[in-house]
Amino acid sequence: EAMRCTEEDKTSLGSYMLREEANHWWKNARQRLGAGGVVIT
């Protein structure tokens, strides 16, 4: 592999990437649905 990372580092990076993707998705969902009066929890 080009990047030599520990399994712990790979897990941390993967978690970070998934969290940021989820944050981006929620931000867009709020903009699309929240403006129409739909309650998002």
PDB file of N, CA and C in Angstrom:
ATOM      1  N   GLU A   1       0.831  -1.190   0.000  1.00  0.00           N
ATOM      2  CA  GLU A   1       0.000   0.000   0.000  1.00  0.00           C
ATOM      3  C   GLU A   1       0.873   1.249   0.000  1.00  0.00           C
ATOM      4  N   ALA A   2       0.374   2.283  -0.608  1.00  0.00           N
ATOM      5  CA  ALA A   2       1.108   3.544  -0.640  1.00  0.00           C
ATOM      6  C   ALA A   2       1.098   4.216   0.725  1.00  0.00           C
ATOM      7  N   MET A   3      -0.043   4.125   1.429  1.00  0.00           N
ATOM      8  CA  MET A   3      -0.140   4.720   2.762  1.00  0.00           C
ATOM      9  C   MET A   3      -0.010   3.622   3.803  1.00  0.00           C
ATOM     10  N   ARG A   4       0.946   3.776   4.648  1.00  0.00           N
ATOM     11  CA  ARG A   4       1.115   2.797   5.721  1.00  0.00           C
ATOM     12  C   ARG A   4       0.524   3.389   6.989  1.00  0.00           C
ATOM     13  N   CYS A   5      -0.683   2.963   7.296  1.00  0.00           N
ATOM     14  CA  CYS A   5      -1.407   3.450   8.468  1.00  0.00           C
ATOM     15  C   CYS A   5      -1.760   2.266   9.343  1.00  0.00           C
ATOM     16  N   THR A   6      -1.861   2.528  10.625  1.00  0.00           N
ATOM     17  CA  THR A   6      -2.322   1.484  11.528  1.00  0.00           C
ATOM     18  C   THR A   6      -3.812   1.267  11.303  1.00  0.00           C
ATOM     19  N   GLU A   7      -4.305   0.128  11.722  1.00  0.00           N
ATOM     20  CA  GLU A   7      -5.740  -0.149  11.611  1.00  0.00           C
ATOM     21  C   GLU A   7      -6.543   0.883  12.400  1.00  0.00           C
ATOM     22  N   GLU A   8      -6.001   1.332  13.523  1.00  0.00           N
ATOM     23  CA  GLU A   8      -6.677   2.356  14.333  1.00  0.00           C
ATOM     24  C   GLU A   8      -6.789   3.669  13.553  1.00  0.00           C
ATOM     25  N   ASP A   9      -5.713   4.056  12.874  1.00  0.00           N
ATOM     26  CA  ASP A   9      -5.747   5.283  12.068  1.00  0.00           C
ATOM     27  C   ASP A   9      -6.735   5.155  10.914  1.00  0.00           C
ATOM     28  N   LYS A  10      -6.774   3.991  10.277  1.00  0.00           N
ATOM     29  CA  LYS A  10      -7.720   3.764   9.182  1.00  0.00           C
ATOM     30  C   LYS A  10      -9.155   3.867   9.682  1.00  0.00           C
ATOM     31  N   THR A  11      -9.406   3.315  10.867  1.00  0.00           N
ATOM     32  CA  THR A  11     -10.744   3.369  11.455  1.00  0.00           C
ATOM     33  C   THR A  11     -11.124   4.807  11.788  1.00  0.00           C
ATOM     34  N   SER A  12     -10.186   5.551  12.350  1.00  0.00           N
ATOM     35  CA  SER A  12     -10.452   6.956  12.681  1.00  0.00           C
ATOM     36  C   SER A  12     -10.750   7.766  11.431  1.00  0.00           C
ATOM     37  N   LEU A  13      -9.975   7.574  10.381  1.00  0.00           N
ATOM     38  CA  LEU A  13     -10.194   8.301   9.135  1.00  0.00           C
ATOM     39  C   LEU A  13     -11.535   7.918   8.515  1.00  0.00           C
ATOM     40  N   GLY A  14     -11.841   6.623   8.504  1.00  0.00           N
ATOM     41  CA  GLY A  14     -13.121   6.175   7.959  1.00  0.00           C
ATOM     42  C   GLY A  14     -14.295   6.763   8.718  1.00  0.00           C
ATOM     43  N   SER A  15     -14.204   6.795  10.035  1.00  0.00           N
ATOM     44  CA  SER A  15     -15.269   7.370  10.861  1.00  0.00           C
ATOM     45  C   SER A  15     -15.439   8.852  10.568  1.00  0.00           C
ATOM     46  N   TYR A  16     -14.328   9.552  10.437  1.00  0.00           N
ATOM     47  CA  TYR A  16     -14.371  10.984  10.129  1.00  0.00           C
ATOM     48  C   TYR A  16     -15.049  11.223   8.778  1.00  0.00           C
ATOM     49  N   MET A  17     -14.666  10.445   7.774  1.00  0.00           N
ATOM     50  CA  MET A  17     -15.229  10.627   6.433  1.00  0.00           C
ATOM     51  C   MET A  17     -16.734  10.365   6.440  1.00  0.00           C
ATOM     52  N   LEU A  18     -17.169   9.309   7.120  1.00  0.00           N
ATOM     53  CA  LEU A  18     -18.599   8.999   7.190  1.00  0.00           C
ATOM     54  C   LEU A  18     -19.365  10.081   7.937  1.00  0.00           C
ATOM     55  N   ARG A  19     -18.793  10.581   9.019  1.00  0.00           N
ATOM     56  CA  ARG A  19     -19.448  11.626   9.810  1.00  0.00           C
ATOM     57  C   ARG A  19     -19.611  12.896   8.980  1.00  0.00           C
ATOM     58  N   GLU A  20     -18.580  13.283   8.258  1.00  0.00           N
ATOM     59  CA  GLU A  20     -18.663  14.485   7.434  1.00  0.00           C
ATOM     60  C   GLU A  20     -19.674  14.314   6.308  1.00  0.00           C
ATOM     61  N   GLU A  21     -19.728  13.130   5.716  1.00  0.00           N
ATOM     62  CA  GLU A  21     -20.712  12.868   4.660  1.00  0.00           C
ATOM     63  C   GLU A  21     -22.128  12.958   5.223  1.00  0.00           C
ATOM     64  N   ALA A  22     -22.334  12.408   6.427  1.00  0.00           N
ATOM     65  CA  ALA A  22     -23.654  12.469   7.061  1.00  0.00           C
ATOM     66  C   ALA A  22     -24.024  13.916   7.397  1.00  0.00           C
ATOM     67  N   ASN A  23     -23.074  14.693   7.882  1.00  0.00           N
ATOM     68  CA  ASN A  23     -23.338  16.104   8.184  1.00  0.00           C
ATOM     69  C   ASN A  23     -23.732  16.862   6.924  1.00  0.00           C
ATOM     70  N   HIS A  24     -23.044  16.592   5.840  1.00  0.00           N
ATOM     71  CA  HIS A  24     -23.358  17.237   4.562  1.00  0.00           C
ATOM     72  C   HIS A  24     -24.765  16.850   4.105  1.00  0.00           C
ATOM     73  N   TRP A  25     -25.113  15.569   4.231  1.00  0.00           N
ATOM     74  CA  TRP A  25     -26.433  15.088   3.822  1.00  0.00           C
ATOM     75  C   TRP A  25     -27.527  15.772   4.639  1.00  0.00           C
ATOM     76  N   TRP A  26     -27.351  15.847   5.970  1.00  0.00           N
ATOM     77  CA  TRP A  26     -28.363  16.471   6.821  1.00  0.00           C
ATOM     78  C   TRP A  26     -28.520  17.955   6.517  1.00  0.00           C
ATOM     79  N   LYS A  27     -27.404  18.627   6.263  1.00  0.00           N
ATOM     80  CA  LYS A  27     -27.474  20.049   5.932  1.00  0.00           C
ATOM     81  C   LYS A  27     -28.318  20.251   4.679  1.00  0.00           C
ATOM     82  N   ASN A  28     -28.090  19.451   3.659  1.00  0.00           N
ATOM     83  CA  ASN A  28     -28.871  19.555   2.429  1.00  0.00           C
ATOM     84  C   ASN A  28     -30.324  19.157   2.648  1.00  0.00           C
ATOM     85  N   ALA A  29     -30.562  18.123   3.444  1.00  0.00           N
ATOM     86  CA  ALA A  29     -31.937  17.679   3.714  1.00  0.00           C
ATOM     87  C   ALA A  29     -32.713  18.773   4.443  1.00  0.00           C
ATOM     88  N   ARG A  30     -32.082  19.429   5.394  1.00  0.00           N
ATOM     89  CA  ARG A  30     -32.747  20.518   6.123  1.00  0.00           C
ATOM     90  C   ARG A  30     -33.115  21.658   5.181  1.00  0.00           C
ATOM     91  N   GLN A  31     -32.225  21.984   4.274  1.00  0.00           N
ATOM     92  CA  GLN A  31     -32.498  23.069   3.332  1.00  0.00           C
ATOM     93  C   GLN A  31     -33.661  22.712   2.415  1.00  0.00           C
ATOM     94  N   ARG A  32     -33.718  21.469   1.955  1.00  0.00           N
ATOM     95  CA  ARG A  32     -34.774  21.046   1.034  1.00  0.00           C
ATOM     96  C   ARG A  32     -36.107  20.862   1.734  1.00  0.00           C
ATOM     97  N   LEU A  33     -36.114  20.196   2.869  1.00  0.00           N
ATOM     98  CA  LEU A  33     -37.362  19.821   3.528  1.00  0.00           C
ATOM     99  C   LEU A  33     -37.807  20.808   4.595  1.00  0.00           C
ATOM    100  N   GLY A  34     -36.870  21.407   5.293  1.00  0.00           N
ATOM    101  CA  GLY A  34     -37.203  22.313   6.387  1.00  0.00           C
ATOM    102  C   GLY A  34     -37.955  23.548   5.922  1.00  0.00           C
ATOM    103  N   ALA A  35     -37.639  24.032   4.754  1.00  0.00           N
ATOM    104  CA  ALA A  35     -38.291  25.239   4.245  1.00  0.00           C
ATOM    105  C   ALA A  35     -39.765  25.003   3.955  1.00  0.00           C
ATOM    106  N   GLY A  36     -40.141  23.755   3.678  1.00  0.00           N
ATOM    107  CA  GLY A  36     -41.528  23.434   3.362  1.00  0.00           C
ATOM    108  C   GLY A  36     -42.369  23.127   4.579  1.00  0.00           C
ATOM    109  N   GLY A  37     -41.818  23.308   5.761  1.00  0.00           N
ATOM    110  CA  GLY A  37     -42.573  23.061   6.978  1.00  0.00           C
ATOM    111  C   GLY A  37     -42.542  21.619   7.448  1.00  0.00           C
ATOM    112  N   VAL A  38     -41.731  20.784   6.824  1.00  0.00           N
ATOM    113  CA  VAL A  38     -41.604  19.391   7.231  1.00  0.00           C
ATOM    114  C   VAL A  38     -40.679  19.332   8.437  1.00  0.00           C
ATOM    115  N   VAL A  39     -41.098  18.632   9.478  1.00  0.00           N
ATOM    116  CA  VAL A  39     -40.290  18.513  10.682  1.00  0.00           C
ATOM    117  C   VAL A  39     -39.250  17.425  10.472  1.00  0.00           C
ATOM    118  N   ILE A  40     -37.994  17.769  10.706  1.00  0.00           N
ATOM    119  CA  ILE A  40     -36.897  16.817  10.594  1.00  0.00           C
ATOM    120  C   ILE A  40     -36.309  16.623  11.976  1.00  0.00           C
ATOM    121  N   THR A  41     -36.216  15.378  12.407  1.00  0.00           N
ATOM    122  CA  THR A  41     -35.614  15.088  13.713  1.00  0.00           C
ATOM    123  C   THR A  41     -34.429  14.189  13.559  1.00  0.00           C
TER     124      THR A  41
END
